[in-house]
Amino acid sequence: MHFYRPLRPVAAMTFDLDDTLYDNHPVILRTTKESHAFLQSYHPALNEFSVEHYQQLRDSLREQEPEIYHDVSEWRRRAVELAMLKVGLNAREADEGSRAVMANFAQWRSKIEVPQETHVTLAALAERIPLVAVTNGNAEPHLFGLDKYFKFILRAGPDGRAKPYEDMYHAAAEKLNLPLASILHVGDDLTTDVAGSVRCGMQACWINLRNGNLRHIADSRLLPTLEISQLASLTALI
């Protein structure tokens, strides 16, 4: 544990999900493979629809509607819907098909192996202070056993713009009825988690899981309040 700023009393903690509380990399690889296979098998005209074609549609959508990236699930669904329209499905079929693909995606997206350390740490913290999840992603904690530790979960899109925008950080403070300065946000990303929370007046804990060095990381913009390398270290703060 390394401190860069004085730590003020912590009344609550907010947590990023992906790559903070579990390793999300293998989850995304498997989900991409399985959900795309489902898309290709959904209709014969989609058999040759490649991941590259899908990415081109996503890129095109963001060019036309820049704000869509704040809601990654809707962005994905709309890209799938476009793919189906382009191969000849009508509007109703494309809408139904895109939702079926997203249901399959959600199933694979939440097949997550959560380390025991995460369960033990969150359980210990939740006994002492309120915990909140603040995520840009589309994992569903109730499907892999993490929802029980959180008072509520905020998602980019439905609950505001994606981090590092301040929307969800402010929403968390308002729902907790606490000042921003009394909340410690914990995350692995130096831009979305650290810079985003510090700029809006929260305290920030960077969880450094890959032996990174703040002095040599390109996206190191603002110093966190503290740095840890193991989630369990948080229990020492309360």
C-alpha atoms as a PDB file:
ATOM      1  CA  MET A   1       0.000   0.000   0.000  1.00  0.00           C
ATOM      2  CA  HIS A   2       1.389   3.351  -1.055  1.00  0.00           C
ATOM      3  CA  PHE A   3      -0.140   6.743  -0.247  1.00  0.00           C
ATOM      4  CA  TYR A   4       0.175   9.719  -2.606  1.00  0.00           C
ATOM      5  CA  ARG A   5      -2.330  12.014  -0.870  1.00  0.00           C
ATOM      6  CA  PRO A   6      -3.611  12.279   2.713  1.00  0.00           C
ATOM      7  CA  LEU A   7      -6.449   9.820   3.268  1.00  0.00           C
ATOM      8  CA  ARG A   8      -9.579  11.424   4.700  1.00  0.00           C
ATOM      9  CA  PRO A   9     -12.140   9.371   6.656  1.00  0.00           C
ATOM     10  CA  VAL A  10     -13.880   6.905   4.335  1.00  0.00           C
ATOM     11  CA  ALA A  11     -17.656   6.690   4.781  1.00  0.00           C
ATOM     12  CA  ALA A  12     -18.344   4.585   1.661  1.00  0.00           C
ATOM     13  CA  MET A  13     -16.556   2.938  -1.239  1.00  0.00           C
ATOM     14  CA  THR A  14     -17.457   2.724  -4.904  1.00  0.00           C
ATOM     15  CA  PHE A  15     -15.982   0.011  -7.100  1.00  0.00           C
ATOM     16  CA  ASP A  16     -15.273  -0.503 -10.749  1.00  0.00           C
ATOM     17  CA  LEU A  17     -16.149  -4.079 -11.767  1.00  0.00           C
ATOM     18  CA  ASP A  18     -14.211  -5.373 -14.783  1.00  0.00           C
ATOM     19  CA  ASP A  19     -10.511  -6.040 -14.122  1.00  0.00           C
ATOM     20  CA  THR A  20     -10.827  -4.593 -10.616  1.00  0.00           C
ATOM     21  CA  LEU A  21     -12.804  -7.321  -8.875  1.00  0.00           C
ATOM     22  CA  TYR A  22     -12.029 -10.138 -11.336  1.00  0.00           C
ATOM     23  CA  ASP A  23     -10.036 -10.795 -14.515  1.00  0.00           C
ATOM     24  CA  ASN A  24     -12.264  -9.716 -17.376  1.00  0.00           C
ATOM     25  CA  HIS A  25      -9.903 -10.523 -20.277  1.00  0.00           C
ATOM     26  CA  PRO A  26     -10.780 -14.227 -20.710  1.00  0.00           C
ATOM     27  CA  VAL A  27     -14.460 -13.412 -20.216  1.00  0.00           C
ATOM     28  CA  ILE A  28     -14.463 -10.983 -23.132  1.00  0.00           C
ATOM     29  CA  LEU A  29     -12.550 -13.362 -25.411  1.00  0.00           C
ATOM     30  CA  ARG A  30     -14.994 -16.211 -24.757  1.00  0.00           C
ATOM     31  CA  THR A  31     -18.059 -13.981 -24.931  1.00  0.00           C
ATOM     32  CA  THR A  32     -16.989 -12.458 -28.249  1.00  0.00           C
ATOM     33  CA  LYS A  33     -16.438 -15.905 -29.744  1.00  0.00           C
ATOM     34  CA  GLU A  34     -19.663 -17.476 -28.496  1.00  0.00           C
ATOM     35  CA  SER A  35     -21.989 -14.525 -29.091  1.00  0.00           C
ATOM     36  CA  HIS A  36     -20.675 -13.971 -32.596  1.00  0.00           C
ATOM     37  CA  ALA A  37     -21.170 -17.652 -33.408  1.00  0.00           C
ATOM     38  CA  PHE A  38     -24.760 -17.276 -32.196  1.00  0.00           C
ATOM     39  CA  LEU A  39     -25.214 -14.239 -34.440  1.00  0.00           C
ATOM     40  CA  GLN A  40     -23.879 -16.123 -37.476  1.00  0.00           C
ATOM     41  CA  SER A  41     -26.203 -19.051 -36.818  1.00  0.00           C
ATOM     42  CA  TYR A  42     -29.261 -16.871 -36.240  1.00  0.00           C
ATOM     43  CA  HIS A  43     -30.054 -16.534 -39.961  1.00  0.00           C
ATOM     44  CA  PRO A  44     -28.455 -18.132 -43.065  1.00  0.00           C
ATOM     45  CA  ALA A  45     -27.697 -14.700 -44.526  1.00  0.00           C
ATOM     46  CA  LEU A  46     -25.428 -14.005 -41.529  1.00  0.00           C
ATOM     47  CA  ASN A  47     -23.256 -17.102 -41.898  1.00  0.00           C
ATOM     48  CA  GLU A  48     -20.361 -15.132 -43.368  1.00  0.00           C
ATOM     49  CA  PHE A  49     -20.771 -12.039 -41.211  1.00  0.00           C
ATOM     50  CA  SER A  50     -17.331 -11.539 -39.649  1.00  0.00           C
ATOM     51  CA  VAL A  51     -16.170  -9.881 -36.448  1.00  0.00           C
ATOM     52  CA  GLU A  52     -14.462  -7.289 -38.664  1.00  0.00           C
ATOM     53  CA  HIS A  53     -17.774  -6.449 -40.360  1.00  0.00           C
ATOM     54  CA  TYR A  54     -19.404  -6.104 -36.970  1.00  0.00           C
ATOM     55  CA  GLN A  55     -16.641  -3.752 -35.804  1.00  0.00           C
ATOM     56  CA  GLN A  56     -17.070  -1.616 -38.910  1.00  0.00           C
ATOM     57  CA  LEU A  57     -20.755  -1.196 -38.078  1.00  0.00           C
ATOM     58  CA  ARG A  58     -19.897  -0.233 -34.490  1.00  0.00           C
ATOM     59  CA  ASP A  59     -17.389   2.339 -35.717  1.00  0.00           C
ATOM     60  CA  SER A  60     -19.895   3.735 -38.190  1.00  0.00           C
ATOM     61  CA  LEU A  61     -22.562   4.036 -35.503  1.00  0.00           C
ATOM     62  CA  ARG A  62     -20.231   5.957 -33.219  1.00  0.00           C
ATOM     63  CA  GLU A  63     -19.293   8.333 -36.032  1.00  0.00           C
ATOM     64  CA  GLN A  64     -22.970   9.061 -36.629  1.00  0.00           C
ATOM     65  CA  GLU A  65     -23.987   9.095 -32.953  1.00  0.00           C
ATOM     66  CA  PRO A  66     -20.933   9.934 -30.792  1.00  0.00           C
ATOM     67  CA  GLU A  67     -22.856   9.662 -27.511  1.00  0.00           C
ATOM     68  CA  ILE A  68     -23.804   6.030 -28.121  1.00  0.00           C
ATOM     69  CA  TYR A  69     -20.523   4.802 -26.630  1.00  0.00           C
ATOM     70  CA  HIS A  70     -21.823   5.699 -23.157  1.00  0.00           C
ATOM     71  CA  ASP A  71     -24.166   2.682 -23.337  1.00  0.00           C
ATOM     72  CA  VAL A  72     -22.109  -0.288 -24.524  1.00  0.00           C
ATOM     73  CA  SER A  73     -25.065  -2.699 -24.499  1.00  0.00           C
ATOM     74  CA  GLU A  74     -27.273  -0.516 -26.679  1.00  0.00           C
ATOM     75  CA  TRP A  75     -24.318   0.232 -28.939  1.00  0.00           C
ATOM     76  CA  ARG A  76     -23.782  -3.486 -29.443  1.00  0.00           C
ATOM     77  CA  ARG A  77     -27.484  -4.184 -29.981  1.00  0.00           C
ATOM     78  CA  ARG A  78     -27.809  -1.427 -32.554  1.00  0.00           C
ATOM     79  CA  ALA A  79     -24.788  -2.749 -34.482  1.00  0.00           C
ATOM     80  CA  VAL A  80     -26.324  -6.221 -34.570  1.00  0.00           C
ATOM     81  CA  GLU A  81     -29.657  -4.768 -35.678  1.00  0.00           C
ATOM     82  CA  LEU A  82     -27.902  -2.935 -38.521  1.00  0.00           C
ATOM     83  CA  ALA A  83     -26.180  -6.138 -39.575  1.00  0.00           C
ATOM     84  CA  MET A  84     -29.529  -7.907 -39.778  1.00  0.00           C
ATOM     85  CA  LEU A  85     -31.135  -5.092 -41.736  1.00  0.00           C
ATOM     86  CA  LYS A  86     -28.246  -5.082 -44.195  1.00  0.00           C
ATOM     87  CA  VAL A  87     -28.692  -8.781 -45.012  1.00  0.00           C
ATOM     88  CA  GLY A  88     -32.397  -8.363 -45.697  1.00  0.00           C
ATOM     89  CA  LEU A  89     -34.308  -8.899 -42.457  1.00  0.00           C
ATOM     90  CA  ASN A  90     -37.213  -6.503 -41.957  1.00  0.00           C
ATOM     91  CA  ALA A  91     -37.345  -4.025 -39.062  1.00  0.00           C
ATOM     92  CA  ARG A  92     -39.343  -6.311 -36.762  1.00  0.00           C
ATOM     93  CA  GLU A  93     -37.133  -9.310 -37.465  1.00  0.00           C
ATOM     94  CA  ALA A  94     -33.974  -7.249 -36.942  1.00  0.00           C
ATOM     95  CA  ASP A  95     -35.258  -5.877 -33.646  1.00  0.00           C
ATOM     96  CA  GLU A  96     -36.236  -9.326 -32.371  1.00  0.00           C
ATOM     97  CA  GLY A  97     -32.998 -10.821 -33.640  1.00  0.00           C
ATOM     98  CA  SER A  98     -30.787  -8.189 -32.053  1.00  0.00           C
ATOM     99  CA  ARG A  99     -32.468  -8.758 -28.701  1.00  0.00           C
ATOM    100  CA  ALA A 100     -32.000 -12.518 -28.993  1.00  0.00           C
ATOM    101  CA  VAL A 101     -28.306 -11.990 -29.730  1.00  0.00           C
ATOM    102  CA  MET A 102     -27.998  -9.668 -26.745  1.00  0.00           C
ATOM    103  CA  ALA A 103     -29.667 -12.231 -24.478  1.00  0.00           C
ATOM    104  CA  ASN A 104     -27.073 -14.774 -25.593  1.00  0.00           C
ATOM    105  CA  PHE A 105     -24.320 -12.203 -25.113  1.00  0.00           C
ATOM    106  CA  ALA A 106     -25.506 -11.451 -21.549  1.00  0.00           C
ATOM    107  CA  GLN A 107     -25.457 -15.150 -20.715  1.00  0.00           C
ATOM    108  CA  TRP A 108     -21.794 -15.512 -21.690  1.00  0.00           C
ATOM    109  CA  ARG A 109     -20.780 -12.058 -20.460  1.00  0.00           C
ATOM    110  CA  SER A 110     -21.627 -12.942 -16.884  1.00  0.00           C
ATOM    111  CA  LYS A 111     -19.929 -16.342 -16.736  1.00  0.00           C
ATOM    112  CA  ILE A 112     -17.260 -14.853 -14.490  1.00  0.00           C
ATOM    113  CA  GLU A 113     -14.998 -16.579 -11.999  1.00  0.00           C
ATOM    114  CA  VAL A 114     -14.720 -14.261  -9.024  1.00  0.00           C
ATOM    115  CA  PRO A 115     -11.642 -14.805  -6.812  1.00  0.00           C
ATOM    116  CA  GLN A 116     -12.348 -15.819  -3.240  1.00  0.00           C
ATOM    117  CA  GLU A 117     -10.310 -12.815  -2.099  1.00  0.00           C
ATOM    118  CA  THR A 118     -12.877 -10.553  -3.726  1.00  0.00           C
ATOM    119  CA  HIS A 119     -15.783 -12.213  -1.910  1.00  0.00           C
ATOM    120  CA  VAL A 120     -14.015 -12.138   1.445  1.00  0.00           C
ATOM    121  CA  THR A 121     -12.907  -8.518   1.068  1.00  0.00           C
ATOM    122  CA  LEU A 122     -16.243  -7.163  -0.118  1.00  0.00           C
ATOM    123  CA  ALA A 123     -18.094  -9.060   2.614  1.00  0.00           C
ATOM    124  CA  ALA A 124     -15.813  -7.601   5.290  1.00  0.00           C
ATOM    125  CA  LEU A 125     -16.117  -4.071   3.917  1.00  0.00           C
ATOM    126  CA  ALA A 126     -19.897  -4.280   3.482  1.00  0.00           C
ATOM    127  CA  GLU A 127     -20.286  -4.996   7.196  1.00  0.00           C
ATOM    128  CA  ARG A 128     -18.691  -1.636   7.994  1.00  0.00           C
ATOM    129  CA  ILE A 129     -19.610   0.815   5.220  1.00  0.00           C
ATOM    130  CA  PRO A 130     -21.929   1.000   2.185  1.00  0.00           C
ATOM    131  CA  LEU A 131     -20.460  -0.263  -1.097  1.00  0.00           C
ATOM    132  CA  VAL A 132     -21.563   0.713  -4.603  1.00  0.00           C
ATOM    133  CA  ALA A 133     -20.594  -0.607  -8.053  1.00  0.00           C
ATOM    134  CA  VAL A 134     -19.947   1.993 -10.766  1.00  0.00           C
ATOM    135  CA  THR A 135     -19.312   0.456 -14.168  1.00  0.00           C
ATOM    136  CA  ASN A 136     -18.913   1.406 -17.804  1.00  0.00           C
ATOM    137  CA  GLY A 137     -19.462  -2.226 -18.771  1.00  0.00           C
ATOM    138  CA  ASN A 138     -22.405  -4.595 -19.088  1.00  0.00           C
ATOM    139  CA  ALA A 139     -21.614  -7.425 -16.690  1.00  0.00           C
ATOM    140  CA  GLU A 140     -24.544  -8.299 -14.413  1.00  0.00           C
ATOM    141  CA  PRO A 141     -23.270  -8.885 -10.839  1.00  0.00           C
ATOM    142  CA  HIS A 142     -26.412 -10.734  -9.757  1.00  0.00           C
ATOM    143  CA  LEU A 143     -25.459 -13.497 -12.210  1.00  0.00           C
ATOM    144  CA  PHE A 144     -22.055 -14.126 -10.612  1.00  0.00           C
ATOM    145  CA  GLY A 145     -22.726 -13.463  -6.959  1.00  0.00           C
ATOM    146  CA  LEU A 146     -21.418  -9.947  -6.362  1.00  0.00           C
ATOM    147  CA  ASP A 147     -24.658  -7.952  -6.181  1.00  0.00           C
ATOM    148  CA  LYS A 148     -25.246  -8.899  -2.531  1.00  0.00           C
ATOM    149  CA  TYR A 149     -22.344  -6.717  -1.405  1.00  0.00           C
ATOM    150  CA  PHE A 150     -23.559  -3.519  -3.062  1.00  0.00           C
ATOM    151  CA  LYS A 151     -26.237  -1.078  -1.940  1.00  0.00           C
ATOM    152  CA  PHE A 152     -26.858  -0.353  -5.621  1.00  0.00           C
ATOM    153  CA  ILE A 153     -25.173  -0.583  -9.026  1.00  0.00           C
ATOM    154  CA  LEU A 154     -24.730   2.317 -11.458  1.00  0.00           C
ATOM    155  CA  ARG A 155     -24.216   1.669 -15.173  1.00  0.00           C
ATOM    156  CA  ALA A 156     -23.034   3.962 -17.915  1.00  0.00           C
ATOM    157  CA  GLY A 157     -25.939   4.666 -20.225  1.00  0.00           C
ATOM    158  CA  PRO A 158     -28.968   4.222 -17.968  1.00  0.00           C
ATOM    159  CA  ASP A 159     -27.309   6.067 -15.066  1.00  0.00           C
ATOM    160  CA  GLY A 160     -25.278   8.708 -16.891  1.00  0.00           C
ATOM    161  CA  ARG A 161     -22.292   9.158 -19.133  1.00  0.00           C
ATOM    162  CA  ALA A 162     -19.397   6.722 -18.942  1.00  0.00           C
ATOM    163  CA  LYS A 163     -16.455   7.313 -16.614  1.00  0.00           C
ATOM    164  CA  PRO A 164     -14.335   9.475 -16.515  1.00  0.00           C
ATOM    165  CA  TYR A 165     -17.370  11.760 -16.859  1.00  0.00           C
ATOM    166  CA  GLU A 166     -18.615  12.641 -13.392  1.00  0.00           C
ATOM    167  CA  ASP A 167     -22.291  11.680 -13.796  1.00  0.00           C
ATOM    168  CA  MET A 168     -22.207   8.335 -11.997  1.00  0.00           C
ATOM    169  CA  TYR A 169     -19.809   9.532  -9.296  1.00  0.00           C
ATOM    170  CA  HIS A 170     -22.179  12.366  -8.428  1.00  0.00           C
ATOM    171  CA  ALA A 171     -25.163   9.995  -8.625  1.00  0.00           C
ATOM    172  CA  ALA A 172     -23.485   7.645  -6.148  1.00  0.00           C
ATOM    173  CA  ALA A 173     -22.843  10.460  -3.668  1.00  0.00           C
ATOM    174  CA  GLU A 174     -26.405  11.727  -3.986  1.00  0.00           C
ATOM    175  CA  LYS A 175     -27.959   8.287  -3.489  1.00  0.00           C
ATOM    176  CA  LEU A 176     -25.688   7.629  -0.510  1.00  0.00           C
ATOM    177  CA  ASN A 177     -26.394  11.125   0.844  1.00  0.00           C
ATOM    178  CA  LEU A 178     -22.668  11.602   1.456  1.00  0.00           C
ATOM    179  CA  PRO A 179     -20.176  14.278   0.406  1.00  0.00           C
ATOM    180  CA  LEU A 180     -17.939  13.255  -2.479  1.00  0.00           C
ATOM    181  CA  ALA A 181     -14.802  13.733  -0.373  1.00  0.00           C
ATOM    182  CA  SER A 182     -15.887  10.992   2.033  1.00  0.00           C
ATOM    183  CA  ILE A 183     -16.157   8.344  -0.711  1.00  0.00           C
ATOM    184  CA  LEU A 184     -13.211   6.252  -1.904  1.00  0.00           C
ATOM    185  CA  HIS A 185     -13.472   4.970  -5.469  1.00  0.00           C
ATOM    186  CA  VAL A 186     -11.512   1.791  -6.252  1.00  0.00           C
ATOM    187  CA  GLY A 187     -10.531   0.864  -9.790  1.00  0.00           C
ATOM    188  CA  ASP A 188      -7.820  -0.397 -12.099  1.00  0.00           C
ATOM    189  CA  ASP A 189      -7.988   2.285 -14.799  1.00  0.00           C
ATOM    190  CA  LEU A 190      -5.940   5.439 -14.300  1.00  0.00           C
ATOM    191  CA  THR A 191      -8.166   7.490 -16.594  1.00  0.00           C
ATOM    192  CA  THR A 192     -11.743   6.367 -15.999  1.00  0.00           C
ATOM    193  CA  ASP A 193     -11.344   5.424 -12.334  1.00  0.00           C
ATOM    194  CA  VAL A 194      -8.542   7.517 -10.877  1.00  0.00           C
ATOM    195  CA  ALA A 195      -8.641  10.736 -12.918  1.00  0.00           C
ATOM    196  CA  GLY A 196     -12.437  10.645 -13.164  1.00  0.00           C
ATOM    197  CA  SER A 197     -13.070  10.283  -9.440  1.00  0.00           C
ATOM    198  CA  VAL A 198     -10.310  12.671  -8.324  1.00  0.00           C
ATOM    199  CA  ARG A 199     -11.521  15.420 -10.647  1.00  0.00           C
ATOM    200  CA  CYS A 200     -15.011  15.314  -9.185  1.00  0.00           C
ATOM    201  CA  GLY A 201     -13.749  15.536  -5.615  1.00  0.00           C
ATOM    202  CA  MET A 202     -13.666  11.910  -4.505  1.00  0.00           C
ATOM    203  CA  GLN A 203     -10.740   9.993  -3.104  1.00  0.00           C
ATOM    204  CA  ALA A 204      -9.265   7.355  -5.399  1.00  0.00           C
ATOM    205  CA  CYS A 205      -7.601   3.997  -4.866  1.00  0.00           C
ATOM    206  CA  TRP A 206      -5.708   2.559  -7.816  1.00  0.00           C
ATOM    207  CA  ILE A 207      -5.498  -1.214  -7.733  1.00  0.00           C
ATOM    208  CA  ASN A 208      -2.275  -2.060  -9.539  1.00  0.00           C
ATOM    209  CA  LEU A 209      -2.656  -5.688 -10.559  1.00  0.00           C
ATOM    210  CA  ARG A 210       0.037  -5.805 -13.262  1.00  0.00           C
ATOM    211  CA  ASN A 211       3.043  -4.336 -11.497  1.00  0.00           C
ATOM    212  CA  GLY A 212       2.656  -1.009 -13.289  1.00  0.00           C
ATOM    213  CA  ASN A 213       4.589   2.101 -12.332  1.00  0.00           C
ATOM    214  CA  LEU A 214       2.792   5.440 -12.229  1.00  0.00           C
ATOM    215  CA  ARG A 215       5.931   7.199 -13.432  1.00  0.00           C
ATOM    216  CA  HIS A 216       6.032   5.133 -16.603  1.00  0.00           C
ATOM    217  CA  ILE A 217       2.379   4.686 -17.557  1.00  0.00           C
ATOM    218  CA  ALA A 218       1.193   6.926 -20.396  1.00  0.00           C
ATOM    219  CA  ASP A 219      -2.337   7.478 -19.052  1.00  0.00           C
ATOM    220  CA  SER A 220      -1.190   8.445 -15.560  1.00  0.00           C
ATOM    221  CA  ARG A 221      -2.789  11.915 -15.377  1.00  0.00           C
ATOM    222  CA  LEU A 222      -3.612  12.457 -11.719  1.00  0.00           C
ATOM    223  CA  LEU A 223      -2.199  10.788  -8.637  1.00  0.00           C
ATOM    224  CA  PRO A 224      -4.602   8.561  -6.728  1.00  0.00           C
ATOM    225  CA  THR A 225      -5.011   8.898  -2.998  1.00  0.00           C
ATOM    226  CA  LEU A 226      -3.389   5.511  -2.610  1.00  0.00           C
ATOM    227  CA  GLU A 227      -2.224   2.489  -4.563  1.00  0.00           C
ATOM    228  CA  ILE A 228      -2.719  -1.156  -3.631  1.00  0.00           C
ATOM    229  CA  SER A 229      -1.785  -4.409  -5.309  1.00  0.00           C
ATOM    230  CA  GLN A 230      -4.267  -6.648  -3.492  1.00  0.00           C
ATOM    231  CA  LEU A 231      -7.945  -5.984  -2.921  1.00  0.00           C
ATOM    232  CA  ALA A 232      -7.711  -7.313   0.638  1.00  0.00           C
ATOM    233  CA  SER A 233      -5.562  -4.329   1.591  1.00  0.00           C
ATOM    234  CA  LEU A 234      -8.713  -2.196   1.652  1.00  0.00           C
ATOM    235  CA  THR A 235      -9.855  -3.763   4.910  1.00  0.00           C
ATOM    236  CA  ALA A 236      -6.973  -2.012   6.677  1.00  0.00           C
ATOM    237  CA  LEU A 237      -8.524   1.373   5.847  1.00  0.00           C
ATOM    238  CA  ILE A 238     -11.658   0.882   7.918  1.00  0.00           C
END
